[in-house]
Amino acid sequence: MVKGFSTKQYSNTDVEEVKRLNANSGLSYNEALQLLAKQYNEQKKKR
């Protein structure tokens, strides 16, 4: 990291830490919806 440079902004949030935590948090809301829709459509085709 460059001396004097911080990824923290006005809100004192460490942006890089948030990105790291988000990457490890699992499915997003939209990804979960897509997965559920796919499963629903597959079940519907079997009927």
C-alpha atoms as a PDB file:
ATOM      1  CA  MET A   1       0.000   0.000   0.000  1.00  0.00           C
ATOM      2  CA  VAL A   2       1.266   3.477  -0.812  1.00  0.00           C
ATOM      3  CA  LYS A   3       2.278   5.429   2.264  1.00  0.00           C
ATOM      4  CA  GLY A   4      -0.549   7.685   3.373  1.00  0.00           C
ATOM      5  CA  PHE A   5      -3.090   5.967   1.150  1.00  0.00           C
ATOM      6  CA  SER A   6      -6.045   4.216   2.694  1.00  0.00           C
ATOM      7  CA  THR A   7      -8.963   2.350   1.195  1.00  0.00           C
ATOM      8  CA  LYS A   8     -11.136   3.854   3.909  1.00  0.00           C
ATOM      9  CA  GLN A   9     -13.416   6.634   2.790  1.00  0.00           C
ATOM     10  CA  TYR A  10     -15.376   9.279   4.666  1.00  0.00           C
ATOM     11  CA  SER A  11     -17.511   6.661   6.396  1.00  0.00           C
ATOM     12  CA  ASN A  12     -14.364   5.021   7.798  1.00  0.00           C
ATOM     13  CA  THR A  13     -15.250   1.804   5.932  1.00  0.00           C
ATOM     14  CA  ASP A  14     -12.445  -0.414   4.690  1.00  0.00           C
ATOM     15  CA  VAL A  15     -13.605  -1.000   1.117  1.00  0.00           C
ATOM     16  CA  GLU A  16     -11.190  -3.855   0.468  1.00  0.00           C
ATOM     17  CA  GLU A  17     -12.360  -5.670   3.606  1.00  0.00           C
ATOM     18  CA  VAL A  18     -15.998  -5.318   2.513  1.00  0.00           C
ATOM     19  CA  LYS A  19     -15.143  -6.706  -0.938  1.00  0.00           C
ATOM     20  CA  ARG A  20     -13.326  -9.652   0.643  1.00  0.00           C
ATOM     21  CA  LEU A  21     -16.225 -10.439   2.971  1.00  0.00           C
ATOM     22  CA  ASN A  22     -18.768 -10.142   0.159  1.00  0.00           C
ATOM     23  CA  ALA A  23     -16.789 -12.533  -2.023  1.00  0.00           C
ATOM     24  CA  ASN A  24     -16.981 -15.163   0.723  1.00  0.00           C
ATOM     25  CA  SER A  25     -20.622 -14.613   1.666  1.00  0.00           C
ATOM     26  CA  GLY A  26     -22.312 -17.096  -0.693  1.00  0.00           C
ATOM     27  CA  LEU A  27     -25.075 -16.462  -3.192  1.00  0.00           C
ATOM     28  CA  SER A  28     -26.383 -12.987  -3.811  1.00  0.00           C
ATOM     29  CA  TYR A  29     -30.117 -12.325  -3.810  1.00  0.00           C
ATOM     30  CA  ASN A  30     -30.243 -12.394  -7.625  1.00  0.00           C
ATOM     31  CA  GLU A  31     -28.152 -15.564  -7.837  1.00  0.00           C
ATOM     32  CA  ALA A  32     -30.493 -17.295  -5.384  1.00  0.00           C
ATOM     33  CA  LEU A  33     -33.524 -16.185  -7.413  1.00  0.00           C
ATOM     34  CA  GLN A  34     -31.970 -17.510 -10.610  1.00  0.00           C
ATOM     35  CA  LEU A  35     -31.199 -20.849  -8.967  1.00  0.00           C
ATOM     36  CA  LEU A  36     -34.747 -21.168  -7.626  1.00  0.00           C
ATOM     37  CA  ALA A  37     -36.222 -20.269 -11.026  1.00  0.00           C
ATOM     38  CA  LYS A  38     -34.039 -22.864 -12.732  1.00  0.00           C
ATOM     39  CA  GLN A  39     -35.062 -25.561 -10.248  1.00  0.00           C
ATOM     40  CA  TYR A  40     -38.726 -24.601 -10.599  1.00  0.00           C
ATOM     41  CA  ASN A  41     -38.559 -24.793 -14.398  1.00  0.00           C
ATOM     42  CA  GLU A  42     -36.833 -28.188 -14.270  1.00  0.00           C
ATOM     43  CA  GLN A  43     -39.528 -29.537 -11.948  1.00  0.00           C
ATOM     44  CA  LYS A  44     -42.241 -28.073 -14.163  1.00  0.00           C
ATOM     45  CA  LYS A  45     -40.826 -29.872 -17.239  1.00  0.00           C
ATOM     46  CA  LYS A  46     -40.925 -33.237 -15.423  1.00  0.00           C
ATOM     47  CA  ARG A  47     -44.680 -32.999 -14.855  1.00  0.00           C
END
